[in-house]
Protein backbone atom coordinates (compact mmCIF):
# COMPACT_ATOMS: atom_id res chain seq x y z
CA UNK A 1 120.20 77.82 81.32
CA UNK A 2 119.09 81.26 80.20
CA UNK A 3 121.51 83.92 81.35
CA UNK A 4 120.50 87.33 82.70
CA UNK A 5 121.47 89.88 80.05
CA UNK A 6 122.89 93.00 81.71
CA UNK A 7 123.82 96.40 80.31
CA UNK A 8 126.27 98.56 82.31
CA UNK A 9 125.86 102.35 82.03
CA UNK A 10 128.54 104.53 83.64
CA UNK A 11 130.63 107.46 82.47
CA UNK A 12 133.77 106.10 84.18
CA UNK A 13 135.70 103.59 82.07
CA UNK A 14 137.14 102.12 85.26
CA UNK A 15 133.73 101.56 86.84
CA UNK A 16 132.37 100.07 83.62
CA UNK A 17 135.28 97.68 83.54
CA UNK A 18 134.97 96.74 87.22
CA UNK A 19 131.19 96.16 87.12
CA UNK A 20 131.51 94.19 83.89
CA UNK A 21 134.23 92.02 85.43
CA UNK A 22 132.22 91.39 88.64
CA UNK A 23 129.04 90.49 86.80
CA UNK A 24 130.79 88.36 84.16
CA UNK A 25 132.32 86.19 86.88
CA UNK A 26 128.85 84.80 87.58
CA UNK A 27 127.92 82.01 85.13
CA UNK A 28 124.25 83.11 85.19
CA UNK A 29 124.94 86.67 83.98
CA UNK A 30 126.01 87.90 80.55
CA UNK A 31 127.09 91.53 80.18
CA UNK A 32 125.84 92.35 76.71
CA UNK A 33 127.20 95.90 76.61
CA UNK A 34 128.73 98.82 78.48
CA UNK A 35 127.67 102.38 77.67
CA UNK A 36 129.52 105.60 78.67
CA UNK A 37 126.39 107.78 78.73
CA UNK A 38 122.59 107.59 78.45
CA UNK A 39 122.57 108.40 74.71
CA UNK A 40 124.78 105.41 73.91
CA UNK A 41 122.73 103.36 76.39
CA UNK A 42 119.48 104.26 74.63
CA UNK A 43 120.79 102.78 71.36
CA UNK A 44 122.15 99.70 73.12
CA UNK A 45 118.82 99.06 74.81
CA UNK A 46 117.10 99.05 71.42
CA UNK A 47 119.76 96.86 69.83
CA UNK A 48 120.65 94.44 72.65
CA UNK A 49 117.35 94.18 74.58
CA UNK A 50 118.93 93.61 78.05
CA UNK A 51 117.03 92.13 80.96
CA UNK A 52 118.45 94.61 83.48
CA UNK A 53 120.52 97.81 83.54
CA UNK A 54 123.03 99.05 86.09
CA UNK A 55 122.84 102.84 85.95
CA UNK A 56 125.20 105.43 87.44
CA UNK A 57 123.42 108.23 89.29
CA UNK A 58 125.85 110.97 88.23
CA UNK A 59 126.73 111.27 84.52
CA UNK A 60 127.41 114.09 82.05
CA UNK A 61 125.00 115.10 79.24
CA UNK A 62 122.02 113.46 80.99
CA UNK A 63 122.02 112.43 84.65
CA UNK A 64 120.99 108.95 85.69
CA UNK A 65 117.72 110.08 87.30
CA UNK A 66 116.53 111.85 84.14
CA UNK A 67 117.44 108.82 82.07
CA UNK A 68 115.67 106.53 84.51
CA UNK A 69 112.46 108.62 84.21
CA UNK A 70 112.69 108.30 80.42
CA UNK A 71 113.13 104.54 80.70
CA UNK A 72 110.14 104.16 83.01
CA UNK A 73 107.99 106.28 80.74
CA UNK A 74 109.00 104.79 77.37
CA UNK A 75 110.28 101.23 78.09
CA UNK A 76 109.90 100.13 81.72
CA UNK A 77 112.60 97.64 82.67
CA UNK A 78 114.55 96.58 85.79
CA UNK A 79 117.23 99.11 86.80
CA UNK A 80 119.81 98.88 89.60
CA UNK A 81 121.22 102.30 90.45
CA UNK A 82 124.92 102.73 91.23
CA UNK A 83 125.14 105.47 93.85
CA UNK A 84 127.75 107.13 96.08
CA UNK A 85 127.81 107.00 99.84
CA UNK A 86 127.10 110.72 100.19
CA UNK A 87 124.17 112.83 101.30
CA UNK A 88 123.57 114.04 97.75
CA UNK A 89 123.86 110.48 96.43
CA UNK A 90 121.33 109.33 98.97
CA UNK A 91 118.78 111.95 98.00
CA UNK A 92 119.01 111.17 94.29
CA UNK A 93 118.95 107.39 94.89
CA UNK A 94 115.82 107.60 97.02
CA UNK A 95 114.10 109.61 94.29
CA UNK A 96 115.26 106.97 91.78
CA UNK A 97 113.71 104.21 93.88
CA UNK A 98 110.45 106.16 94.07
CA UNK A 99 110.62 106.66 90.27
CA UNK A 100 110.91 102.97 89.50
CA UNK A 101 114.44 101.66 90.10
CA UNK A 102 114.38 98.19 91.60
CA UNK A 103 117.40 98.53 93.84
CA UNK A 104 120.77 100.25 94.29
CA UNK A 105 124.39 99.66 95.18
CA UNK A 106 126.22 102.29 97.22
CA UNK A 107 129.74 102.33 95.76
CA UNK A 108 132.63 103.53 97.95
CA UNK A 109 134.10 106.99 97.39
CA UNK A 110 137.71 105.84 97.90
CA UNK A 111 139.64 102.72 96.80
CA UNK A 112 136.84 101.95 94.39
CA UNK A 113 138.38 98.82 92.91
CA UNK A 114 138.69 97.03 96.26
CA UNK A 115 135.36 98.44 97.43
CA UNK A 116 133.47 97.04 94.45
CA UNK A 117 135.23 93.72 94.79
CA UNK A 118 133.91 93.53 98.37
CA UNK A 119 130.41 94.34 97.07
CA UNK A 120 130.59 91.71 94.32
CA UNK A 121 128.20 89.19 95.84
CA UNK A 122 125.69 91.93 96.67
CA UNK A 123 125.87 93.42 93.18
CA UNK A 124 125.44 90.01 91.52
CA UNK A 125 122.48 89.13 93.74
CA UNK A 126 120.74 92.45 93.12
CA UNK A 127 121.20 92.29 89.35
CA UNK A 128 119.84 88.75 89.19
CA UNK A 129 117.01 89.56 91.53
CA UNK A 130 116.14 92.76 89.58
CA UNK A 131 115.86 90.77 86.35
CA UNK A 132 113.08 88.69 87.97
CA UNK A 133 111.02 91.61 89.23
CA UNK A 134 107.73 92.87 87.80
CA UNK A 135 108.46 96.47 86.79
CA UNK A 136 105.29 98.53 86.56
CA UNK A 137 104.76 101.82 84.78
CA UNK A 138 102.18 102.89 87.36
CA UNK A 139 103.40 103.07 90.94
CA UNK A 140 101.24 102.41 93.96
CA UNK A 141 99.18 105.40 95.07
CA UNK A 142 99.58 106.33 98.75
CA UNK A 143 96.39 106.08 100.75
CA UNK A 144 94.61 109.00 102.34
CA UNK A 145 95.26 109.07 106.11
CA UNK A 146 92.41 108.02 108.36
CA UNK A 147 91.10 110.53 110.86
CA UNK A 148 92.08 108.63 114.01
CA UNK A 149 92.64 104.99 115.05
CA UNK A 150 92.24 105.94 118.75
CA UNK A 151 95.98 105.55 119.29
CA UNK A 152 95.90 106.11 123.03
CA UNK A 153 93.13 103.57 123.53
CA UNK A 154 94.86 100.73 121.63
CA UNK A 155 98.17 100.62 123.51
CA UNK A 156 99.59 98.88 120.41
CA UNK A 157 102.98 99.12 118.72
CA UNK A 158 103.38 98.76 114.96
CA UNK A 159 106.52 96.91 113.87
CA UNK A 160 107.46 96.85 110.16
CA UNK A 161 110.27 95.21 108.22
CA UNK A 162 111.13 95.67 104.53
CA UNK A 163 113.93 95.54 101.98
CA UNK A 164 113.97 95.63 98.16
CA UNK A 165 111.00 97.75 97.09
CA UNK A 166 110.55 99.05 100.60
CA UNK A 167 111.14 102.71 99.77
CA UNK A 168 107.95 102.81 97.75
CA UNK A 169 106.02 100.36 99.96
CA UNK A 170 106.80 102.18 103.23
CA UNK A 171 105.76 105.49 101.75
CA UNK A 172 102.41 104.02 100.74
CA UNK A 173 101.83 102.57 104.19
CA UNK A 174 102.93 105.64 106.14
CA UNK A 175 100.93 108.02 103.90
CA UNK A 176 97.88 106.08 105.03
CA UNK A 177 98.55 106.62 108.72
CA UNK A 178 96.91 109.44 110.71
CA UNK A 179 98.99 111.84 112.77
CA UNK A 180 98.06 110.14 116.06
CA UNK A 181 98.61 106.53 115.00
CA UNK A 182 100.29 104.13 117.42
CA UNK A 183 104.11 104.30 117.41
CA UNK A 184 105.82 102.60 114.46
CA UNK A 185 109.28 101.06 114.47
CA UNK A 186 110.81 100.18 111.09
CA UNK A 187 113.80 98.27 109.86
CA UNK A 188 114.48 98.85 106.16
CA UNK A 189 117.67 97.42 104.67
CA UNK A 190 119.65 100.52 103.73
CA UNK A 191 123.20 101.79 104.27
CA UNK A 192 124.24 104.56 106.67
CA UNK A 193 123.45 108.13 105.50
CA UNK A 194 120.60 106.80 103.39
CA UNK A 195 118.30 106.09 106.35
CA UNK A 196 118.54 109.66 107.64
CA UNK A 197 117.66 111.04 104.21
CA UNK A 198 114.83 108.53 103.85
CA UNK A 199 113.35 109.51 107.24
CA UNK A 200 113.55 113.22 106.32
CA UNK A 201 111.80 112.64 102.97
CA UNK A 202 108.97 110.70 104.63
CA UNK A 203 108.63 113.25 107.41
CA UNK A 204 107.97 115.98 104.87
CA UNK A 205 105.13 114.02 103.24
CA UNK A 206 103.44 112.03 105.98
CA UNK A 207 101.09 113.04 108.81
CA UNK A 208 103.14 111.24 111.49
CA UNK A 209 106.45 112.55 112.81
CA UNK A 210 109.22 110.43 111.25
CA UNK A 211 112.89 110.26 112.26
CA UNK A 212 115.94 108.06 112.20
CA UNK A 213 115.92 106.36 115.60
CA UNK A 214 118.46 107.29 118.28
CA UNK A 215 119.61 105.26 121.25
CA UNK A 216 117.29 105.43 124.32
CA UNK A 217 114.82 107.63 122.40
CA UNK A 218 111.37 107.45 124.10
CA UNK A 219 108.65 105.84 122.00
CA UNK A 220 105.51 107.95 121.57
CA UNK A 221 102.21 107.81 119.71
CA UNK A 222 102.24 109.65 116.40
CA UNK A 223 105.93 108.94 115.83
CA UNK A 224 107.81 106.66 113.42
CA UNK A 225 111.33 105.42 114.20
CA UNK A 226 113.52 104.08 111.39
CA UNK A 227 116.58 101.97 112.16
CA UNK A 228 119.88 103.67 111.21
CA UNK A 229 121.70 101.92 108.39
CA UNK A 230 124.59 101.13 110.74
CA UNK A 231 122.73 99.72 113.76
CA UNK A 232 120.18 97.15 114.80
CA UNK A 233 116.98 98.69 116.22
CA UNK A 234 115.18 97.06 119.18
CA UNK A 235 112.11 97.91 121.21
CA UNK A 236 113.21 97.90 124.87
CA UNK A 237 111.73 98.67 128.28
CA UNK A 238 113.41 101.46 130.26
CA UNK A 239 111.91 101.77 133.73
CA UNK A 240 108.21 102.41 133.22
CA UNK A 241 108.49 103.40 129.56
CA UNK A 242 109.58 102.01 126.22
CA UNK A 243 112.53 103.24 124.17
CA UNK A 244 114.47 102.59 120.97
CA UNK A 245 117.65 100.67 121.64
CA UNK A 246 120.45 100.67 119.08
CA UNK A 247 123.47 98.38 118.87
CA UNK A 248 126.16 97.69 116.27
CA UNK A 249 126.61 93.99 116.99
CA UNK A 250 127.21 91.49 114.17
CA UNK A 251 124.77 91.20 111.27
CA UNK A 252 121.79 88.90 111.83
CA UNK A 253 120.23 86.98 108.92
CA UNK A 254 122.92 88.68 106.82
CA UNK A 255 121.90 92.21 107.69
CA UNK A 256 122.54 95.13 110.05
CA UNK A 257 120.01 96.50 110.68
CA UNK A 258 118.11 93.23 110.78
CA UNK A 259 114.34 92.81 110.69
CA UNK A 260 114.68 89.64 112.77
CA UNK A 261 116.33 91.62 115.57
CA UNK A 262 113.54 94.21 115.64
CA UNK A 263 110.73 91.63 115.45
CA UNK A 264 112.24 89.47 118.23
CA UNK A 265 112.55 92.46 120.51
CA UNK A 266 108.87 93.26 119.98
CA UNK A 267 107.94 89.66 120.79
CA UNK A 268 109.94 89.83 124.04
CA UNK A 269 108.96 93.30 125.15
CA UNK A 270 105.34 93.91 124.15
CA UNK A 271 104.01 90.54 122.96
CA UNK A 272 100.26 90.77 122.37
CA UNK A 273 100.49 94.57 122.08
CA UNK A 274 102.46 94.34 118.83
CA UNK A 275 101.19 94.41 115.26
CA UNK A 276 103.84 93.21 112.84
CA UNK A 277 103.99 93.76 109.06
CA UNK A 278 106.56 92.31 106.66
CA UNK A 279 106.78 94.04 103.29
CA UNK A 280 108.50 93.45 99.97
CA UNK A 281 112.14 92.35 100.10
CA UNK A 282 114.76 89.94 98.91
CA UNK A 283 115.82 87.07 101.16
CA UNK A 284 114.40 85.75 104.42
CA UNK A 285 115.24 88.33 107.08
CA UNK A 286 112.25 88.78 109.40
CA UNK A 287 110.64 85.37 108.95
CA UNK A 288 111.91 83.84 112.21
CA UNK A 289 111.40 87.06 114.16
CA UNK A 290 107.83 87.38 112.94
CA UNK A 291 107.15 83.77 113.92
CA UNK A 292 108.29 84.65 117.44
CA UNK A 293 105.95 87.63 117.37
CA UNK A 294 102.98 85.47 116.37
CA UNK A 295 103.80 82.90 119.07
CA UNK A 296 103.91 85.76 121.58
CA UNK A 297 100.36 86.74 120.64
CA UNK A 298 101.01 89.55 118.18
CA UNK A 299 98.94 90.13 115.05
CA UNK A 300 101.11 89.55 111.95
CA UNK A 301 100.46 90.68 108.37
CA UNK A 302 102.46 89.99 105.18
CA UNK A 303 102.39 91.84 101.90
CA UNK A 304 100.92 89.64 99.19
CA UNK A 305 102.75 88.41 96.11
CA UNK A 306 100.80 90.46 93.56
CA UNK A 307 101.70 93.80 95.14
CA UNK A 308 105.28 92.96 96.17
CA UNK A 309 108.13 94.16 94.01
CA UNK A 310 110.08 91.18 95.41
CA UNK A 311 108.02 88.45 97.09
CA UNK A 312 110.94 87.10 99.06
CA UNK A 313 110.76 88.11 102.72
CA UNK A 314 106.96 88.00 102.90
CA UNK A 315 106.89 84.61 101.15
CA UNK A 316 109.37 83.00 103.53
CA UNK A 317 107.51 84.41 106.52
CA UNK A 318 104.20 83.12 105.14
CA UNK A 319 105.63 79.66 104.44
CA UNK A 320 107.09 79.49 107.98
CA UNK A 321 103.61 80.11 109.40
CA UNK A 322 104.60 83.50 110.78
CA UNK A 323 101.99 85.47 108.78
CA UNK A 324 98.39 85.36 110.02
CA UNK A 325 97.06 86.91 106.79
CA UNK A 326 98.35 88.48 103.61
CA UNK A 327 97.36 91.88 102.34
CA UNK A 328 97.80 93.98 99.19
CA UNK A 329 99.98 97.02 99.63
CA UNK A 330 97.23 99.54 99.01
CA UNK A 331 95.20 97.97 101.85
CA UNK A 332 98.17 97.54 104.25
CA UNK A 333 97.71 100.77 106.26
CA UNK A 334 94.01 100.00 106.74
CA UNK A 335 94.78 96.41 107.78
CA UNK A 336 97.41 97.54 110.30
CA UNK A 337 95.09 100.13 111.86
CA UNK A 338 92.26 97.65 112.11
CA UNK A 339 94.61 95.18 113.76
CA UNK A 340 95.50 97.83 116.34
CA UNK A 341 91.81 97.93 117.32
CA UNK A 342 91.38 94.19 117.56
CA UNK A 343 92.97 91.18 119.24
CA UNK A 344 94.90 88.32 117.69
CA UNK A 345 92.14 85.76 118.11
CA UNK A 346 89.52 87.92 116.37
CA UNK A 347 91.96 88.70 113.54
CA UNK A 348 93.25 85.19 112.88
CA UNK A 349 90.72 84.27 110.18
CA UNK A 350 90.27 87.66 108.55
CA UNK A 351 91.58 88.10 105.02
CA UNK A 352 92.27 91.15 102.90
CA UNK A 353 92.17 91.29 99.11
């Protein structure tokens, strides 16, 4: 069995020791080195040739984001960022994910030793998963928004789920949406604080109005609603209208927010008026919910393997028969908009390269 070779980069000796201990407990991971700063890490990368790096966001001499940009320019390789659960940490981490980091772990700000111990299984899974990803020097280019998909005439609702790699993928999709597109509800696996920053970043760059969803918020054309990192998001009927419904019930499919929860609510509430898309992500969250959407008459689209950073969630959904067709990321916005103007029967046999 070939072990995943990991390099830990963090200026804190305690954090280096804790992460090394957590990763070394897994028989499939070998920690080949631990560097206190990017300059030492640079030499270790050349000497040790690791498969994956864990990289602290905040370090002296050269911050983690600057080092990450150097890595992606000179020697692209899988990187898992180690961030803090703060507003500033969220902003830098989101930029790191757009720059090329595969994933991140949000470390606690207090009682770090116990906090990292509780995150052990997540850290191990993300490091092993990152080592298997296809890191690309060139990132996907966001599409140019279409003029208008006749949002008011379609009466459709766009429902999207994503996880690992979703920060980049969602930006590409939403940049391709016109200002008056049908309403979009999104569940992206992300901790609290991060989802609000993510929504704000997208809102500054996209034609649609994008926000972190709030409870009982009315759903309108031209708006995107992102599930808060602490709550499940559902599409619910309230009198004669439709609203975002939030709840903090137990995780579903291992997650809160859960893609399955959002997809199932769309199947129940709008059925044939839904267009579902499942994007890059680790695990299987969303597969069963998307299958319910398809059975309810919705059009369902999955990101294809070639364009997925992690072909996990879309693969499981495809294998379960939940995905009507697969689509490359740079064609996803177009495919979703065309689905909003068609019906499920007409779309069933159509394929996208």
